[in-house]
Protein backbone atom coordinates (compact mmCIF):
# COMPACT_ATOMS: atom_id res chain seq x y z
CA UNK A 1 114.66 147.43 134.51
CA UNK A 2 118.26 146.26 134.59
CA UNK A 3 119.38 148.92 137.07
CA UNK A 4 117.44 147.41 140.02
CA UNK A 5 119.28 144.15 140.60
CA UNK A 6 119.51 143.28 144.31
CA UNK A 7 119.29 147.01 145.11
CA UNK A 8 122.83 147.49 143.73
CA UNK A 9 123.52 149.77 140.74
CA UNK A 10 125.52 148.42 137.86
CA UNK A 11 128.92 149.68 136.93
CA UNK A 12 129.10 151.76 133.77
CA UNK A 13 129.45 149.40 130.87
CA UNK A 14 132.37 151.21 129.28
CA UNK A 15 134.33 151.37 132.56
CA UNK A 16 133.79 147.66 133.14
CA UNK A 17 134.93 146.89 129.59
CA UNK A 18 138.12 148.94 130.10
CA UNK A 19 138.81 147.50 133.54
CA UNK A 20 138.26 143.88 132.56
CA UNK A 21 139.37 144.02 128.91
CA UNK A 22 141.18 140.63 128.91
CA UNK A 23 138.18 138.91 130.52
CA UNK A 24 135.82 140.56 128.05
CA UNK A 25 137.91 139.19 125.19
CA UNK A 26 137.74 135.76 126.77
CA UNK A 27 133.99 136.22 127.15
CA UNK A 28 133.67 137.10 123.45
CA UNK A 29 135.61 133.99 122.46
CA UNK A 30 133.38 131.85 124.66
CA UNK A 31 130.28 133.47 123.17
CA UNK A 32 131.59 132.89 119.65
CA UNK A 33 132.13 129.19 120.35
CA UNK A 34 128.74 128.86 122.03
CA UNK A 35 126.94 130.72 119.25
CA UNK A 36 128.58 128.65 116.52
CA UNK A 37 127.81 125.43 118.37
CA UNK A 38 124.16 126.42 118.81
CA UNK A 39 123.92 127.45 115.12
CA UNK A 40 125.41 124.18 113.87
CA UNK A 41 123.18 122.17 116.23
CA UNK A 42 120.17 124.17 115.00
CA UNK A 43 120.97 123.36 111.36
CA UNK A 44 121.47 119.66 112.17
CA UNK A 45 118.20 119.52 114.08
CA UNK A 46 116.37 121.23 111.23
CA UNK A 47 117.86 118.76 108.76
CA UNK A 48 116.80 115.76 110.85
CA UNK A 49 113.30 117.18 111.25
CA UNK A 50 112.89 117.75 107.51
CA UNK A 51 114.27 114.28 106.77
CA UNK A 52 111.74 112.74 109.14
CA UNK A 53 108.84 114.39 107.31
CA UNK A 54 109.62 112.61 104.04
CA UNK A 55 107.10 109.92 103.02
CA UNK A 56 109.85 107.29 102.84
CA UNK A 57 111.23 107.99 106.32
CA UNK A 58 111.33 105.08 108.78
CA UNK A 59 108.62 105.57 111.34
CA UNK A 60 110.66 104.44 114.31
CA UNK A 61 113.85 106.44 113.55
CA UNK A 62 115.18 109.52 115.36
CA UNK A 63 114.36 111.84 112.45
CA UNK A 64 110.74 110.69 112.37
CA UNK A 65 110.56 111.06 116.15
CA UNK A 66 111.76 114.67 115.95
CA UNK A 67 109.43 115.48 113.06
CA UNK A 68 106.28 114.15 114.75
CA UNK A 69 106.73 115.24 118.39
CA UNK A 70 106.91 118.61 120.19
CA UNK A 71 110.53 117.87 121.11
CA UNK A 72 111.92 119.19 117.82
CA UNK A 73 110.19 122.57 118.14
CA UNK A 74 111.38 123.04 121.74
CA UNK A 75 114.99 122.10 120.95
CA UNK A 76 115.10 124.31 117.85
CA UNK A 77 113.64 127.23 119.82
CA UNK A 78 116.24 126.76 122.58
CA UNK A 79 119.11 126.62 120.10
CA UNK A 80 117.84 129.72 118.29
CA UNK A 81 117.57 131.64 121.58
CA UNK A 82 121.09 130.66 122.65
CA UNK A 83 122.64 131.47 119.26
CA UNK A 84 120.82 134.78 118.96
CA UNK A 85 121.65 135.78 122.54
CA UNK A 86 125.34 134.89 122.17
CA UNK A 87 125.78 136.82 118.94
CA UNK A 88 123.74 139.74 120.36
CA UNK A 89 126.04 140.01 123.43
CA UNK A 90 129.05 139.84 121.12
CA UNK A 91 127.59 142.70 119.09
CA UNK A 92 126.98 144.76 122.25
CA UNK A 93 130.46 144.28 123.70
CA UNK A 94 132.06 144.95 120.31
CA UNK A 95 130.05 148.14 119.90
CA UNK A 96 131.13 149.33 123.34
CA UNK A 97 134.77 148.70 122.56
CA UNK A 98 134.48 150.68 119.35
CA UNK A 99 132.60 153.44 121.18
CA UNK A 100 135.73 154.23 123.19
CA UNK A 101 137.45 155.23 119.97
CA UNK A 102 134.63 156.63 117.85
CA UNK A 103 131.09 157.66 118.91
CA UNK A 104 128.41 158.12 116.26
CA UNK A 105 124.99 159.74 116.18
CA UNK A 106 125.47 162.02 119.19
CA UNK A 107 126.76 159.51 121.65
CA UNK A 108 124.95 156.31 120.47
CA UNK A 109 126.53 153.52 118.54
CA UNK A 110 124.89 151.50 115.78
CA UNK A 111 122.67 148.65 116.98
CA UNK A 112 122.42 146.83 113.66
CA UNK A 113 124.40 143.84 114.98
CA UNK A 114 122.07 143.48 117.96
CA UNK A 115 118.94 143.59 115.78
CA UNK A 116 120.45 141.25 113.18
CA UNK A 117 121.25 138.61 115.82
CA UNK A 118 118.32 138.88 118.23
CA UNK A 119 115.31 139.62 116.00
CA UNK A 120 115.52 136.56 113.63
CA UNK A 121 116.36 134.17 116.46
CA UNK A 122 113.44 135.41 118.58
CA UNK A 123 111.02 135.06 115.67
CA UNK A 124 112.28 131.53 114.91
CA UNK A 125 111.95 130.55 118.59
CA UNK A 126 108.41 131.97 118.73
CA UNK A 127 107.30 130.07 115.61
CA UNK A 128 108.92 126.82 116.82
CA UNK A 129 107.24 127.15 120.20
CA UNK A 130 103.84 127.65 118.56
CA UNK A 131 104.40 124.52 116.45
CA UNK A 132 105.25 122.51 119.58
CA UNK A 133 102.09 123.69 121.35
CA UNK A 134 99.90 122.58 118.44
CA UNK A 135 101.55 119.19 117.94
CA UNK A 136 100.38 116.26 120.04
CA UNK A 137 101.77 112.75 119.56
CA UNK A 138 101.85 109.60 121.64
CA UNK A 139 105.55 109.06 122.42
CA UNK A 140 104.93 105.41 123.31
CA UNK A 141 104.22 104.70 119.63
CA UNK A 142 107.90 105.23 118.75
CA UNK A 143 110.79 102.85 119.17
CA UNK A 144 112.75 102.51 122.40
CA UNK A 145 116.04 103.30 120.65
CA UNK A 146 114.77 106.63 119.29
CA UNK A 147 113.47 107.67 122.73
CA UNK A 148 116.73 106.81 124.49
CA UNK A 149 118.81 108.62 121.84
CA UNK A 150 116.63 111.73 122.02
CA UNK A 151 116.73 111.90 125.84
CA UNK A 152 120.52 111.47 125.78
CA UNK A 153 120.95 114.28 123.26
CA UNK A 154 118.73 116.59 125.30
CA UNK A 155 120.72 115.85 128.47
CA UNK A 156 123.98 116.53 126.61
CA UNK A 157 122.70 119.90 125.35
CA UNK A 158 121.56 120.83 128.87
CA UNK A 159 125.02 120.01 130.29
CA UNK A 160 126.81 122.06 127.62
CA UNK A 161 124.59 125.08 128.18
CA UNK A 162 124.94 124.72 131.96
CA UNK A 163 128.72 124.82 131.59
CA UNK A 164 128.50 127.96 129.47
CA UNK A 165 126.03 129.58 131.89
CA UNK A 166 128.44 129.00 134.77
CA UNK A 167 131.26 130.56 132.74
CA UNK A 168 129.16 133.68 132.19
CA UNK A 169 128.80 134.20 135.95
CA UNK A 170 132.51 134.32 136.82
CA UNK A 171 133.65 137.03 139.18
CA UNK A 172 135.42 139.00 136.43
CA UNK A 173 132.56 139.31 133.90
CA UNK A 174 129.35 139.04 135.95
CA UNK A 175 129.12 142.86 136.20
CA UNK A 176 128.57 143.07 132.45
CA UNK A 177 124.80 143.47 132.14
CA UNK A 178 124.47 141.57 128.89
CA UNK A 179 126.46 138.60 130.23
CA UNK A 180 124.15 138.33 133.24
CA UNK A 181 121.12 138.67 131.00
CA UNK A 182 122.38 135.94 128.68
CA UNK A 183 123.05 133.71 131.71
CA UNK A 184 119.43 134.18 132.82
CA UNK A 185 118.24 133.33 129.30
CA UNK A 186 120.40 130.19 129.29
CA UNK A 187 118.93 129.15 132.66
CA UNK A 188 115.50 129.18 131.04
CA UNK A 189 116.88 127.10 128.15
CA UNK A 190 118.40 124.59 130.60
CA UNK A 191 115.11 124.25 132.49
CA UNK A 192 113.16 123.59 129.27
CA UNK A 193 115.73 121.00 128.17
CA UNK A 194 115.57 119.26 131.55
CA UNK A 195 111.77 119.10 131.38
CA UNK A 196 111.76 117.68 127.85
CA UNK A 197 114.54 115.23 128.72
CA UNK A 198 112.58 114.02 131.74
CA UNK A 199 109.40 113.52 129.67
CA UNK A 200 111.31 111.70 126.93
CA UNK A 201 113.04 109.49 129.50
CA UNK A 202 109.66 108.58 131.02
CA UNK A 203 108.42 107.59 127.57
CA UNK A 204 111.56 105.49 127.02
CA UNK A 205 110.85 103.72 130.32
CA UNK A 206 107.28 102.98 129.24
CA UNK A 207 105.66 105.54 131.59
CA UNK A 208 102.79 107.52 130.09
CA UNK A 209 102.80 111.25 130.93
CA UNK A 210 100.02 113.82 130.36
CA UNK A 211 100.29 115.58 127.03
CA UNK A 212 99.84 119.01 128.62
CA UNK A 213 103.23 118.71 130.32
CA UNK A 214 104.84 119.23 126.89
CA UNK A 215 103.18 122.62 126.70
CA UNK A 216 105.12 123.89 129.74
CA UNK A 217 108.57 124.07 128.03
CA UNK A 218 106.89 125.28 124.83
CA UNK A 219 105.28 128.19 126.67
CA UNK A 220 108.58 128.97 128.41
CA UNK A 221 110.48 129.34 125.12
CA UNK A 222 107.61 131.37 123.66
CA UNK A 223 107.78 133.64 126.70
CA UNK A 224 111.56 134.08 126.28
CA UNK A 225 111.19 134.90 122.57
CA UNK A 226 108.37 137.36 123.29
CA UNK A 227 110.42 139.08 126.01
CA UNK A 228 113.35 139.47 123.62
CA UNK A 229 111.06 141.11 121.07
CA UNK A 230 109.65 143.44 123.74
CA UNK A 231 113.17 144.33 124.85
CA UNK A 232 114.11 145.19 121.27
CA UNK A 233 111.08 147.46 120.90
CA UNK A 234 111.80 149.18 124.22
CA UNK A 235 115.45 149.65 123.27
CA UNK A 236 114.36 151.23 120.00
CA UNK A 237 111.84 153.51 121.72
CA UNK A 238 114.22 154.49 124.50
CA UNK A 239 115.41 158.08 124.18
CA UNK A 240 118.25 157.99 126.75
CA UNK A 241 121.67 158.65 125.27
CA UNK A 242 124.30 156.11 126.15
CA UNK A 243 127.70 154.99 124.95
CA UNK A 244 126.27 151.77 123.56
CA UNK A 245 123.10 149.80 123.08
CA UNK A 246 120.61 149.62 125.93
CA UNK A 247 121.28 146.91 128.50
CA UNK A 248 117.65 145.81 128.47
CA UNK A 249 118.06 144.23 125.02
CA UNK A 250 119.36 140.80 126.21
CA UNK A 251 118.08 138.99 129.28
CA UNK A 252 115.24 137.13 130.96
CA UNK A 253 113.32 138.51 133.90
CA UNK A 254 111.79 135.22 135.01
CA UNK A 255 115.19 133.61 135.68
CA UNK A 256 117.26 136.78 136.10
CA UNK A 257 115.21 139.18 138.23
CA UNK A 258 111.86 137.63 139.23
CA UNK A 259 111.17 140.56 141.58
CA UNK A 260 110.51 142.68 138.52
CA UNK A 261 107.12 140.97 138.18
CA UNK A 262 105.87 142.45 141.43
CA UNK A 263 103.16 145.07 140.89
CA UNK A 264 105.10 147.72 142.81
CA UNK A 265 108.23 147.07 140.72
CA UNK A 266 106.26 147.23 137.47
CA UNK A 267 104.57 150.47 138.53
CA UNK A 268 107.93 151.98 139.50
CA UNK A 269 109.46 150.93 136.15
CA UNK A 270 106.59 152.47 134.18
CA UNK A 271 106.75 155.64 136.24
CA UNK A 272 110.53 155.95 135.86
CA UNK A 273 110.84 155.12 132.14
CA UNK A 274 107.52 156.32 130.71
CA UNK A 275 106.10 158.69 133.35
CA UNK A 276 102.95 156.59 133.88
CA UNK A 277 101.70 156.75 137.52
CA UNK A 278 99.10 154.13 138.51
CA UNK A 279 99.01 155.02 142.22
CA UNK A 280 96.41 157.76 141.67
CA UNK A 281 94.33 155.87 139.07
CA UNK A 282 90.73 155.11 140.15
CA UNK A 283 90.61 152.33 137.60
CA UNK A 284 93.54 150.56 139.26
CA UNK A 285 91.90 150.96 142.67
CA UNK A 286 88.65 149.48 141.30
CA UNK A 287 90.50 146.57 139.77
CA UNK A 288 92.31 145.96 143.08
CA UNK A 289 89.02 145.86 145.03
CA UNK A 290 87.10 143.80 142.43
CA UNK A 291 89.89 141.31 141.69
CA UNK A 292 89.03 138.84 144.48
CA UNK A 293 85.24 138.51 143.92
CA UNK A 294 85.63 138.47 140.14
CA UNK A 295 88.32 135.78 140.38
CA UNK A 296 86.21 133.67 142.75
CA UNK A 297 83.16 134.05 140.50
CA UNK A 298 85.09 133.06 137.37
CA UNK A 299 86.61 130.04 139.10
CA UNK A 300 83.16 128.97 140.31
CA UNK A 301 81.68 129.44 136.86
CA UNK A 302 84.52 127.46 135.30
CA UNK A 303 83.99 124.68 137.83
CA UNK A 304 80.27 124.53 137.04
CA UNK A 305 80.96 124.45 133.30
CA UNK A 306 83.27 121.47 133.79
CA UNK A 307 80.03 119.46 133.85
CA UNK A 308 79.30 120.36 130.21
CA UNK A 309 80.86 117.64 128.04
CA UNK A 310 81.11 117.57 124.25
CA UNK A 311 81.60 114.14 122.66
CA UNK A 312 82.77 113.88 119.06
CA UNK A 313 81.04 111.86 116.37
CA UNK A 314 83.54 108.98 116.49
CA UNK A 315 83.67 108.65 120.29
CA UNK A 316 81.50 107.63 123.24
CA UNK A 317 81.65 108.64 126.86
CA UNK A 318 81.14 106.55 129.99
CA UNK A 319 79.65 108.73 132.71
CA UNK A 320 80.93 108.05 136.23
CA UNK A 321 79.16 109.47 139.26
CA UNK A 322 81.32 109.38 142.38
CA UNK A 323 83.59 106.88 140.62
CA UNK A 324 80.82 104.44 139.64
CA UNK A 325 79.94 103.97 135.95
CA UNK A 326 76.31 104.95 135.37
CA UNK A 327 75.64 105.01 131.63
CA UNK A 328 77.21 105.34 128.20
CA UNK A 329 76.77 108.72 126.48
CA UNK A 330 76.64 108.99 122.71
CA UNK A 331 78.06 111.74 120.50
CA UNK A 332 76.77 115.23 121.24
CA UNK A 333 76.57 117.73 124.10
CA UNK A 334 75.80 116.44 127.62
CA UNK A 335 75.40 118.01 131.05
CA UNK A 336 76.65 116.02 134.04
CA UNK A 337 77.84 116.73 137.56
CA UNK A 338 81.02 118.86 137.65
CA UNK A 339 84.31 117.42 138.77
CA UNK A 340 85.14 115.64 141.01
CA UNK A 341 81.55 114.46 141.58
CA UNK A 342 81.05 113.43 137.96
CA UNK A 343 83.44 112.43 135.22
CA UNK A 344 83.13 111.29 131.59
CA UNK A 345 85.71 108.84 130.25
CA UNK A 346 85.94 108.82 126.47
CA UNK A 347 86.29 105.71 124.34
CA UNK A 348 86.08 104.93 120.63
CA UNK A 349 82.85 104.54 118.71
CA UNK A 350 83.13 102.60 115.44
CA UNK A 351 86.80 103.37 114.80
CA UNK A 352 88.50 100.45 113.04
CA UNK A 353 92.14 99.90 113.93
CA UNK A 354 94.78 97.77 112.25
CA UNK A 355 97.29 95.54 114.02
CA UNK A 356 100.26 93.91 112.30
CA UNK A 357 101.41 90.58 113.73
CA UNK A 358 105.19 90.73 113.41
CA UNK A 359 108.38 89.69 115.16
CA UNK A 360 109.80 93.25 114.91
CA UNK A 361 108.56 95.46 117.74
CA UNK A 362 109.43 98.69 115.90
CA UNK A 363 107.45 97.63 112.83
CA UNK A 364 104.46 96.86 115.01
CA UNK A 365 104.51 100.45 116.27
CA UNK A 366 104.59 101.97 112.79
CA UNK A 367 102.69 105.20 112.35
CA UNK A 368 99.40 105.33 110.50
CA UNK A 369 99.75 105.92 106.76
CA UNK A 370 98.44 109.27 105.55
CA UNK A 371 99.04 108.78 101.85
CA UNK A 372 96.50 110.19 99.39
CA UNK A 373 95.17 108.72 96.15
CA UNK A 374 97.26 111.12 94.06
CA UNK A 375 100.41 110.93 96.19
CA UNK A 376 103.13 108.33 96.63
CA UNK A 377 102.11 104.89 97.90
CA UNK A 378 102.54 104.32 101.64
CA UNK A 379 105.23 102.13 103.13
CA UNK A 380 102.63 99.51 104.10
CA UNK A 381 101.98 98.89 100.39
CA UNK A 382 105.42 97.27 100.08
CA UNK A 383 104.69 93.54 99.84
CA UNK A 384 108.19 92.23 99.10
CA UNK A 385 107.80 89.26 101.41
CA UNK A 386 111.48 88.33 101.25
CA UNK A 387 112.48 91.70 102.78
CA UNK A 388 109.47 92.86 104.81
CA UNK A 389 109.70 93.91 108.49
CA UNK A 390 106.00 93.12 108.94
CA UNK A 391 106.31 89.31 108.79
CA UNK A 392 105.94 86.79 111.61
CA UNK A 393 108.09 83.65 111.60
CA UNK A 394 106.69 80.25 112.62
CA UNK A 395 107.87 76.63 112.64
CA UNK A 396 105.80 73.90 111.01
CA UNK A 397 106.34 70.13 110.88
CA UNK A 398 107.63 68.85 107.55
CA UNK A 399 105.63 65.59 107.67
CA UNK A 400 102.96 64.09 109.89
CA UNK A 401 105.17 61.17 111.01
CA UNK A 402 107.21 63.37 113.34
CA UNK A 403 110.66 62.42 112.12
CA UNK A 404 110.98 64.76 109.14
CA UNK A 405 112.06 67.84 111.06
CA UNK A 406 110.65 71.35 110.84
CA UNK A 407 110.43 74.11 108.28
CA UNK A 408 110.36 77.87 108.88
CA UNK A 409 107.58 79.92 107.27
CA UNK A 410 106.87 83.65 107.30
CA UNK A 411 103.32 84.98 107.50
CA UNK A 412 102.14 88.52 106.75
CA UNK A 413 99.01 88.84 108.86
CA UNK A 414 96.90 91.89 109.76
CA UNK A 415 94.00 92.10 112.19
CA UNK A 416 91.28 94.73 111.86
CA UNK A 417 89.38 95.31 115.09
CA UNK A 418 87.22 97.83 116.90
CA UNK A 419 85.45 98.35 120.21
CA UNK A 420 82.07 96.64 120.29
CA UNK A 421 79.08 98.82 119.43
CA UNK A 422 77.13 97.81 122.54
CA UNK A 423 77.29 99.77 125.80
CA UNK A 424 78.60 96.77 127.71
CA UNK A 425 81.35 96.35 125.12
CA UNK A 426 82.43 99.96 125.58
CA UNK A 427 82.63 99.50 129.37
CA UNK A 428 84.56 96.23 129.02
CA UNK A 429 87.06 97.83 126.64
CA UNK A 430 87.61 100.77 128.99
CA UNK A 431 87.79 99.01 132.37
CA UNK A 432 89.05 95.50 131.54
CA UNK A 433 91.78 96.23 128.97
CA UNK A 434 94.62 98.67 129.49
CA UNK A 435 96.38 97.98 126.18
CA UNK A 436 94.16 96.46 123.45
CA UNK A 437 97.07 96.18 121.00
CA UNK A 438 99.22 94.20 123.42
CA UNK A 439 96.36 91.86 124.36
CA UNK A 440 95.31 91.26 120.76
CA UNK A 441 98.90 90.74 119.61
CA UNK A 442 99.51 88.17 122.36
CA UNK A 443 96.33 86.21 121.63
CA UNK A 444 96.81 86.30 117.86
CA UNK A 445 100.42 85.16 118.12
CA UNK A 446 99.40 82.27 120.38
CA UNK A 447 96.63 81.18 118.00
CA UNK A 448 98.98 81.43 115.03
CA UNK A 449 101.54 79.20 116.76
CA UNK A 450 98.77 76.76 117.67
CA UNK A 451 97.56 76.64 114.05
CA UNK A 452 101.02 75.89 112.67
CA UNK A 453 101.68 73.32 115.41
CA UNK A 454 98.58 71.38 114.35
CA UNK A 455 99.41 71.36 110.63
CA UNK A 456 102.16 70.07 108.37
CA UNK A 457 104.02 71.96 105.69
CA UNK A 458 101.89 70.46 102.94
CA UNK A 459 98.69 71.17 104.85
CA UNK A 460 99.60 74.81 105.50
CA UNK A 461 100.58 75.50 101.92
CA UNK A 462 97.46 73.73 100.63
CA UNK A 463 95.12 75.67 102.94
CA UNK A 464 93.48 78.68 101.37
CA UNK A 465 94.42 81.99 102.95
CA UNK A 466 90.80 83.01 103.48
CA UNK A 467 90.16 79.71 105.27
CA UNK A 468 93.14 80.29 107.52
CA UNK A 469 91.94 83.87 108.18
CA UNK A 470 88.48 82.63 109.18
CA UNK A 471 89.99 80.09 111.57
CA UNK A 472 92.23 82.72 113.16
CA UNK A 473 89.39 85.26 113.48
CA UNK A 474 87.08 82.71 115.13
CA UNK A 475 89.63 81.51 117.67
CA UNK A 476 90.92 84.98 118.57
CA UNK A 477 87.36 86.27 119.00
CA UNK A 478 86.58 83.39 121.34
CA UNK A 479 89.61 84.27 123.48
CA UNK A 480 88.63 87.95 123.54
CA UNK A 481 85.12 87.10 124.63
CA UNK A 482 86.48 84.83 127.34
CA UNK A 483 88.58 87.72 128.70
CA UNK A 484 85.61 90.15 128.37
CA UNK A 485 87.79 92.57 126.43
CA UNK A 486 84.93 94.32 124.62
CA UNK A 487 86.82 94.07 121.30
CA UNK A 488 85.30 92.83 118.05
CA UNK A 489 87.40 91.29 115.27
CA UNK A 490 86.30 92.88 112.01
CA UNK A 491 88.58 90.90 109.70
CA UNK A 492 91.84 88.94 109.60
CA UNK A 493 93.84 89.50 106.43
CA UNK A 494 96.55 86.99 105.49
CA UNK A 495 98.55 88.71 102.77
CA UNK A 496 101.08 85.94 102.20
CA UNK A 497 102.48 82.66 103.55
CA UNK A 498 105.99 82.20 102.24
CA UNK A 499 109.24 80.48 103.21
CA UNK A 500 112.12 82.58 104.56
CA UNK A 501 114.42 84.50 102.23
CA UNK A 502 117.16 81.84 102.34
CA UNK A 503 114.87 79.24 100.75
CA UNK A 504 112.99 81.64 98.51
CA UNK A 505 114.74 80.74 95.25
CA UNK A 506 114.35 76.99 95.70
CA UNK A 507 110.78 77.32 96.85
CA UNK A 508 109.92 79.47 93.84
CA UNK A 509 111.48 76.85 91.55
CA UNK A 510 109.40 74.09 93.16
CA UNK A 511 106.26 76.18 92.87
CA UNK A 512 107.04 76.99 89.23
CA UNK A 513 107.57 73.30 88.41
CA UNK A 514 104.29 72.39 90.12
CA UNK A 515 102.44 75.07 88.22
CA UNK A 516 104.04 73.93 84.94
CA UNK A 517 103.04 70.29 85.59
CA UNK A 518 99.49 71.31 86.38
CA UNK A 519 99.37 73.36 83.17
CA UNK A 520 100.64 70.38 81.11
CA UNK A 521 98.05 68.05 82.64
CA UNK A 522 95.32 70.59 81.97
CA UNK A 523 96.44 71.03 78.35
CA UNK A 524 96.47 67.25 77.70
CA UNK A 525 93.08 66.85 79.29
CA UNK A 526 91.72 69.62 77.08
CA UNK A 527 93.22 68.01 74.00
CA UNK A 528 91.76 64.58 74.91
CA UNK A 529 88.36 66.09 75.53
CA UNK A 530 88.51 67.81 72.11
CA UNK A 531 89.44 64.55 70.33
CA UNK A 532 86.63 62.64 72.08
CA UNK A 533 84.15 65.34 71.08
CA UNK A 534 85.21 65.14 67.42
CA UNK A 535 84.90 61.33 67.44
CA UNK A 536 81.42 61.52 69.00
CA UNK A 537 80.40 64.04 66.35
CA UNK A 538 81.63 61.87 63.42
CA UNK A 539 79.98 58.73 64.85
CA UNK A 540 76.69 60.52 65.29
CA UNK A 541 76.85 61.90 61.74
CA UNK A 542 77.51 58.47 60.21
CA UNK A 543 74.81 56.81 62.30
CA UNK A 544 72.24 59.43 61.36
CA UNK A 545 73.15 59.15 57.64
CA UNK A 546 72.78 55.33 57.70
CA UNK A 547 69.43 55.55 59.47
CA UNK A 548 68.19 58.10 56.93
CA UNK A 549 69.30 55.99 53.96
CA UNK A 550 67.66 52.86 55.40
CA UNK A 551 64.42 54.74 55.97
CA UNK A 552 64.50 56.09 52.40
CA UNK A 553 64.98 52.57 50.92
CA UNK A 554 62.25 51.17 53.10
CA UNK A 555 59.79 53.87 52.12
CA UNK A 556 60.65 53.42 48.43
CA UNK A 557 60.04 49.66 48.66
CA UNK A 558 56.71 50.25 50.36
CA UNK A 559 55.74 52.70 47.57
CA UNK A 560 56.65 50.13 44.86
CA UNK A 561 54.72 47.41 46.64
CA UNK A 562 51.67 49.64 46.89
CA UNK A 563 51.94 50.56 43.20
CA UNK A 564 52.23 46.90 42.23
CA UNK A 565 49.16 45.98 44.20
CA UNK A 566 47.21 48.75 42.50
CA UNK A 567 48.32 47.68 39.01
CA UNK A 568 47.36 44.10 39.74
CA UNK A 569 43.87 45.10 40.78
CA UNK A 570 43.46 47.32 37.70
CA UNK A 571 44.54 44.48 35.36
CA UNK A 572 42.13 42.10 36.91
CA UNK A 573 39.35 44.62 36.44
CA UNK A 574 40.18 46.13 33.00
CA UNK A 575 42.00 43.32 31.30
CA UNK A 576 43.51 44.23 27.92
CA UNK A 577 42.18 47.75 28.09
CA UNK A 578 44.36 48.35 31.14
CA UNK A 579 47.34 46.88 29.33
CA UNK A 580 46.71 49.12 26.31
CA UNK A 581 46.36 52.13 28.56
CA UNK A 582 49.51 51.26 30.36
CA UNK A 583 51.23 50.69 27.03
CA UNK A 584 50.09 54.04 25.72
CA UNK A 585 51.06 55.75 28.97
CA UNK A 586 54.51 54.24 28.75
CA UNK A 587 54.80 55.20 25.12
CA UNK A 588 53.75 58.75 25.92
CA UNK A 589 56.24 59.02 28.72
CA UNK A 590 58.96 57.69 26.45
CA UNK A 591 58.12 59.95 23.55
CA UNK A 592 57.60 63.04 25.72
CA UNK A 593 59.94 65.74 24.43
CA UNK A 594 61.16 63.62 21.48
CA UNK A 595 61.05 64.86 17.83
CA UNK A 596 59.06 62.41 15.62
CA UNK A 597 58.32 61.90 11.95
CA UNK A 598 55.04 60.16 11.17
CA UNK A 599 55.05 58.12 7.93
CA UNK A 600 51.99 56.60 6.31
CA UNK A 601 51.65 54.78 3.01
CA UNK A 602 48.35 56.34 2.58
CA UNK A 603 49.90 59.71 2.25
CA UNK A 604 51.34 59.68 -1.24
CA UNK A 605 54.05 62.09 -2.22
CA UNK A 606 53.94 63.77 1.18
CA UNK A 607 54.71 63.11 4.82
CA UNK A 608 54.01 64.79 8.08
CA UNK A 609 57.20 65.99 9.71
CA UNK A 610 56.64 66.58 13.41
CA UNK A 611 60.18 67.65 14.12
CA UNK A 612 60.78 71.09 15.60
CA UNK A 613 61.66 73.65 12.90
CA UNK A 614 60.77 71.42 9.97
CA UNK A 615 58.96 73.11 7.07
CA UNK A 616 55.31 72.29 6.96
CA UNK A 617 53.97 71.41 3.48
CA UNK A 618 50.31 71.90 3.08
CA UNK A 619 48.59 69.33 0.79
CA UNK A 620 46.78 70.65 -2.20
CA UNK A 621 43.10 70.99 -2.22
CA UNK A 622 42.71 68.29 -4.76
CA UNK A 623 44.54 65.86 -2.56
CA UNK A 624 42.48 66.79 0.39
CA UNK A 625 39.32 66.44 -1.46
CA UNK A 626 40.41 63.12 -2.84
CA UNK A 627 40.97 61.94 0.68
């Protein structure tokens, strides 16, 4: 493979090394510097990428940019290829120098240095390239400073590798096969760096580029890593005895010898190295004859299947026929005219987005939080209003008279919005608005300034936040409807309205004093209400007691009067008999429960003792009979 360059055979590697020994030493020093530089740059890039993946990393910084874009994988793959190739060429040239003094294993030298340098670097480059292919991120969501810094670093790396590639092609060392192969590999690295630098520069300038362009440099580095692995396997399987490692172990055919991809060259290589002859194969002749119709049929079938469109659950599609919108397609599988006669433009369906109204452009482009319930809280949960990048600053009049000056307030305001659910709303959002965030931010900022311009400091601080949010949502929605933007305001959330950090301490003291005064007034009012309730209770008790006593006396007087009237009528009817009965009744009532002794002169020598416990003396029979 390496012996067919421009139809000119290479010089024997050992003779070249002896003839150009000083230049080979210079080449080894250059390779050592280049390999160390690429290794150190690889470690720094890996460190920045890992730092950007931390939950607390700033979303607009360079580390977060490298961690969330395909750029990091492409740069790391390029650095790994350059470092591995440089150390592999150093191992090859060192082995050849030692082979002039001592030859091992029947004329072959040990290839452990080549495998140690090239195999890990190729595997790392392959894995990094795969990660870049799978990662898709909108570069316009990052800060301008990070984009400019990244494009400048990529351009610097491309210049350094270009300088080293030119030094490998000097007239004294270009006949060394490994040096030419490494130069071809570095040309591939330079091309990938130039492509990524161009794409990053476009993003820094605000130009949107297709996401598939990032896959081109990723596939190039994956191809280079795969070719290195194939070269290592072929070098291990090769049975030709040589004074050193095989020259096919370091290089790149695409940028070193593109003629090797011709079918005739591939067939000649297979026939020369492996004895495989495809010229007499009927299968190859069949493939050659059937290639054109099969290719045309597959291209036609692929073109027809471009009219089969799958729409996800959270998206809608607007079907255009010859450039004219026809209808809105819902989620599912649809069959339309193939391109370019028919086209489906996708838009959102029910997705709610959040917009932060802030003075800091980088904070407005913060990435979406992906924190879980069990993990660390997201950065957006930080509500320290005196040190928050998500606040908007506004001026408000101190008094309504106009001569009191202005005060500066900070507002933390978020807007939740989505594309309208109707078909007309989807078309308006797709065709009338190119950047919904920019339009909504401009309208919301204008309405916020208008609200503060129409209020005073006391009025703003006295207004409830939900009332202010309703006013903002209503006015912004009216402006969106007037522009036919097809956007619906779901909610406006006002997290806080606070003075700036310089006046925070004084403002907190004023608020604390106001709260304390309100608490004192409330406590005194509660105490006064308690005293009044106790007084009303005592007055009611005394009034009820007096009324009850008066009623009792009145009823008792009525009872006495009724009794007197009855006695009077009885006396008039009974006369003295009534008086005797009353006298006896009174006597009975007076003597009820009283011990008595009845004395009678007619009871000689005896008496009747009616007291309780007194001995009873029974009179004799004679006495009784005498009575």
